[in-house]
Amino acid sequence: MCVPSIRHLLIKRKMSNRNLQELLQQAEQLASNLSGGGELPRVDRSLQQILHTGQQLWSRAATQTTSSNDAQA
């Protein structure tokens, strides 16, 4: 089963309540798939912080796509 990365989930521009619920479920599934072997540190983030970071990533991705399209033209 392929679980989408958190980065992929966070770059969605608009999230409906249903999409937010799906995002939370997938994030919980990703968290449960992590082994407790200490490979990655546990980080606590609020939904507001996750949303803000997702918007920043979306903005950067949109800017890079626009720059790339301008360079190709």
N, C-alpha and C. Protein backbone atom coordinates (compact mmCIF):
# COMPACT_ATOMS: atom_id res chain seq x y z
N MET A 1 0.84 -1.18 0.00
CA MET A 1 0.00 0.00 0.00
C MET A 1 0.88 1.24 0.00
N CYS A 2 0.62 2.14 -0.88
CA CYS A 2 1.42 3.36 -0.99
C CYS A 2 0.73 4.49 -0.25
N VAL A 3 1.45 5.07 0.71
CA VAL A 3 0.90 6.18 1.49
C VAL A 3 1.56 7.46 0.98
N PRO A 4 0.79 8.48 0.58
CA PRO A 4 1.39 9.71 0.07
C PRO A 4 2.21 10.40 1.15
N SER A 5 3.25 11.11 0.71
CA SER A 5 4.09 11.82 1.66
C SER A 5 3.34 13.00 2.26
N ILE A 6 3.78 13.41 3.44
CA ILE A 6 3.15 14.55 4.10
C ILE A 6 3.30 15.80 3.24
N ARG A 7 4.45 15.98 2.61
CA ARG A 7 4.67 17.16 1.76
C ARG A 7 3.62 17.21 0.65
N HIS A 8 3.37 16.06 0.04
CA HIS A 8 2.36 16.00 -1.02
C HIS A 8 0.99 16.38 -0.48
N LEU A 9 0.69 15.91 0.71
CA LEU A 9 -0.62 16.20 1.30
C LEU A 9 -0.76 17.68 1.66
N LEU A 10 0.34 18.30 2.05
CA LEU A 10 0.27 19.68 2.52
C LEU A 10 0.21 20.72 1.41
N ILE A 11 0.55 20.35 0.17
CA ILE A 11 0.56 21.36 -0.88
C ILE A 11 -0.80 21.57 -1.54
N LYS A 12 -1.80 20.92 -1.04
CA LYS A 12 -3.15 21.19 -1.55
C LYS A 12 -3.55 22.60 -1.15
N ARG A 13 -4.00 23.37 -2.12
CA ARG A 13 -4.30 24.78 -1.86
C ARG A 13 -5.52 24.96 -0.98
N LYS A 14 -6.60 24.30 -1.27
CA LYS A 14 -7.83 24.47 -0.50
C LYS A 14 -8.18 23.13 0.13
N MET A 15 -8.53 23.18 1.39
CA MET A 15 -8.90 21.95 2.09
C MET A 15 -10.32 22.08 2.62
N SER A 16 -11.17 21.20 2.17
CA SER A 16 -12.51 21.15 2.75
C SER A 16 -12.42 20.36 4.05
N ASN A 17 -13.49 20.36 4.81
CA ASN A 17 -13.49 19.59 6.05
C ASN A 17 -13.22 18.11 5.78
N ARG A 18 -13.76 17.62 4.69
CA ARG A 18 -13.54 16.21 4.33
C ARG A 18 -12.07 15.96 4.02
N ASN A 19 -11.47 16.86 3.23
CA ASN A 19 -10.05 16.71 2.91
C ASN A 19 -9.19 16.82 4.16
N LEU A 20 -9.56 17.71 5.08
CA LEU A 20 -8.81 17.86 6.32
C LEU A 20 -8.89 16.57 7.13
N GLN A 21 -10.06 15.97 7.18
CA GLN A 21 -10.22 14.70 7.90
C GLN A 21 -9.36 13.62 7.26
N GLU A 22 -9.36 13.55 5.93
CA GLU A 22 -8.53 12.57 5.23
C GLU A 22 -7.05 12.83 5.51
N LEU A 23 -6.64 14.09 5.52
CA LEU A 23 -5.26 14.45 5.81
C LEU A 23 -4.86 13.99 7.21
N LEU A 24 -5.75 14.22 8.17
CA LEU A 24 -5.46 13.80 9.54
C LEU A 24 -5.33 12.28 9.63
N GLN A 25 -6.21 11.56 8.95
CA GLN A 25 -6.14 10.10 8.97
C GLN A 25 -4.84 9.60 8.33
N GLN A 26 -4.46 10.20 7.21
CA GLN A 26 -3.24 9.79 6.54
C GLN A 26 -2.01 10.15 7.37
N ALA A 27 -2.04 11.30 8.04
CA ALA A 27 -0.92 11.68 8.91
C ALA A 27 -0.79 10.71 10.07
N GLU A 28 -1.92 10.30 10.63
CA GLU A 28 -1.89 9.32 11.72
C GLU A 28 -1.34 7.99 11.22
N GLN A 29 -1.72 7.61 10.01
CA GLN A 29 -1.22 6.36 9.45
C GLN A 29 0.29 6.45 9.22
N LEU A 30 0.76 7.58 8.69
CA LEU A 30 2.20 7.77 8.50
C LEU A 30 2.93 7.69 9.83
N ALA A 31 2.37 8.32 10.84
CA ALA A 31 2.99 8.31 12.17
C ALA A 31 3.04 6.90 12.74
N SER A 32 2.00 6.12 12.51
CA SER A 32 1.99 4.75 13.04
C SER A 32 2.96 3.85 12.28
N ASN A 33 3.28 4.21 11.02
CA ASN A 33 4.21 3.41 10.22
C ASN A 33 5.66 3.66 10.61
N LEU A 34 5.94 4.75 11.31
CA LEU A 34 7.31 5.03 11.72
C LEU A 34 7.72 4.04 12.80
N SER A 35 8.91 3.54 12.65
CA SER A 35 9.39 2.62 13.69
C SER A 35 9.82 3.44 14.90
N GLY A 36 9.73 2.85 16.05
CA GLY A 36 10.12 3.54 17.28
C GLY A 36 11.61 3.44 17.54
N GLY A 37 12.41 3.11 16.53
CA GLY A 37 13.84 2.92 16.69
C GLY A 37 14.63 4.19 16.81
N GLY A 38 13.98 5.33 16.90
CA GLY A 38 14.69 6.59 17.06
C GLY A 38 15.26 7.14 15.77
N GLU A 39 14.79 6.66 14.62
CA GLU A 39 15.30 7.15 13.35
C GLU A 39 14.98 8.62 13.14
N LEU A 40 13.79 9.01 13.52
CA LEU A 40 13.35 10.39 13.37
C LEU A 40 12.85 10.90 14.72
N PRO A 41 13.15 12.15 15.04
CA PRO A 41 12.63 12.69 16.30
C PRO A 41 11.13 12.95 16.19
N ARG A 42 10.43 12.80 17.28
CA ARG A 42 9.01 13.13 17.32
C ARG A 42 8.88 14.65 17.40
N VAL A 43 8.01 15.21 16.60
CA VAL A 43 7.80 16.65 16.57
C VAL A 43 6.32 16.90 16.72
N ASP A 44 5.97 17.73 17.68
CA ASP A 44 4.57 18.10 17.88
C ASP A 44 4.29 19.41 17.16
N ARG A 45 3.28 19.42 16.32
CA ARG A 45 2.88 20.62 15.59
C ARG A 45 1.37 20.77 15.72
N SER A 46 0.92 22.01 15.78
CA SER A 46 -0.52 22.27 15.80
C SER A 46 -1.03 22.25 14.36
N LEU A 47 -2.33 22.11 14.21
CA LEU A 47 -2.91 22.16 12.87
C LEU A 47 -2.63 23.49 12.20
N GLN A 48 -2.62 24.57 12.98
CA GLN A 48 -2.33 25.90 12.43
C GLN A 48 -0.91 25.95 11.87
N GLN A 49 0.05 25.36 12.58
CA GLN A 49 1.43 25.33 12.10
C GLN A 49 1.55 24.50 10.83
N ILE A 50 0.86 23.37 10.78
CA ILE A 50 0.90 22.52 9.60
C ILE A 50 0.27 23.24 8.41
N LEU A 51 -0.85 23.90 8.63
CA LEU A 51 -1.51 24.65 7.56
C LEU A 51 -0.61 25.76 7.05
N HIS A 52 0.01 26.50 7.95
CA HIS A 52 0.90 27.61 7.57
C HIS A 52 2.08 27.08 6.73
N THR A 53 2.68 25.99 7.18
CA THR A 53 3.80 25.41 6.45
C THR A 53 3.36 24.90 5.09
N GLY A 54 2.19 24.30 5.03
CA GLY A 54 1.66 23.84 3.75
C GLY A 54 1.43 24.98 2.78
N GLN A 55 0.93 26.10 3.28
CA GLN A 55 0.72 27.27 2.43
C GLN A 55 2.05 27.83 1.93
N GLN A 56 3.07 27.81 2.79
CA GLN A 56 4.40 28.27 2.37
C GLN A 56 4.96 27.36 1.27
N LEU A 57 4.82 26.05 1.45
CA LEU A 57 5.29 25.12 0.43
C LEU A 57 4.54 25.31 -0.88
N TRP A 58 3.24 25.50 -0.79
CA TRP A 58 2.44 25.73 -1.99
C TRP A 58 2.90 26.99 -2.70
N SER A 59 3.13 28.04 -1.95
CA SER A 59 3.57 29.31 -2.52
C SER A 59 4.92 29.14 -3.23
N ARG A 60 5.85 28.44 -2.57
CA ARG A 60 7.17 28.21 -3.19
C ARG A 60 7.05 27.36 -4.44
N ALA A 61 6.23 26.32 -4.39
CA ALA A 61 6.06 25.45 -5.56
C ALA A 61 5.44 26.22 -6.71
N ALA A 62 4.45 27.06 -6.42
CA ALA A 62 3.79 27.85 -7.46
C ALA A 62 4.77 28.84 -8.07
N THR A 63 5.61 29.45 -7.24
CA THR A 63 6.61 30.41 -7.72
C THR A 63 7.63 29.71 -8.60
N GLN A 64 8.09 28.54 -8.20
CA GLN A 64 9.08 27.79 -8.98
C GLN A 64 8.49 27.33 -10.30
N THR A 65 7.23 26.93 -10.30
CA THR A 65 6.57 26.50 -11.53
C THR A 65 6.44 27.66 -12.49
N THR A 66 6.06 28.83 -11.97
CA THR A 66 5.94 30.03 -12.81
C THR A 66 7.29 30.42 -13.38
N SER A 67 8.33 30.39 -12.56
CA SER A 67 9.68 30.73 -13.01
C SER A 67 10.15 29.75 -14.08
N SER A 68 9.85 28.47 -13.89
CA SER A 68 10.24 27.44 -14.84
C SER A 68 9.53 27.65 -16.17
N ASN A 69 8.24 27.97 -16.13
CA ASN A 69 7.48 28.22 -17.35
C ASN A 69 7.99 29.45 -18.07
N ASP A 70 8.35 30.50 -17.33
CA ASP A 70 8.89 31.71 -17.94
C ASP A 70 10.23 31.42 -18.61
N ALA A 71 11.06 30.59 -17.99
CA ALA A 71 12.37 30.25 -18.54
C ALA A 71 12.22 29.45 -19.83
N GLN A 72 11.20 28.59 -19.90
CA GLN A 72 10.99 27.78 -21.09
C GLN A 72 10.44 28.61 -22.25
N ALA A 73 9.74 29.68 -21.94
CA ALA A 73 9.14 30.51 -22.99
C ALA A 73 10.19 31.33 -23.63
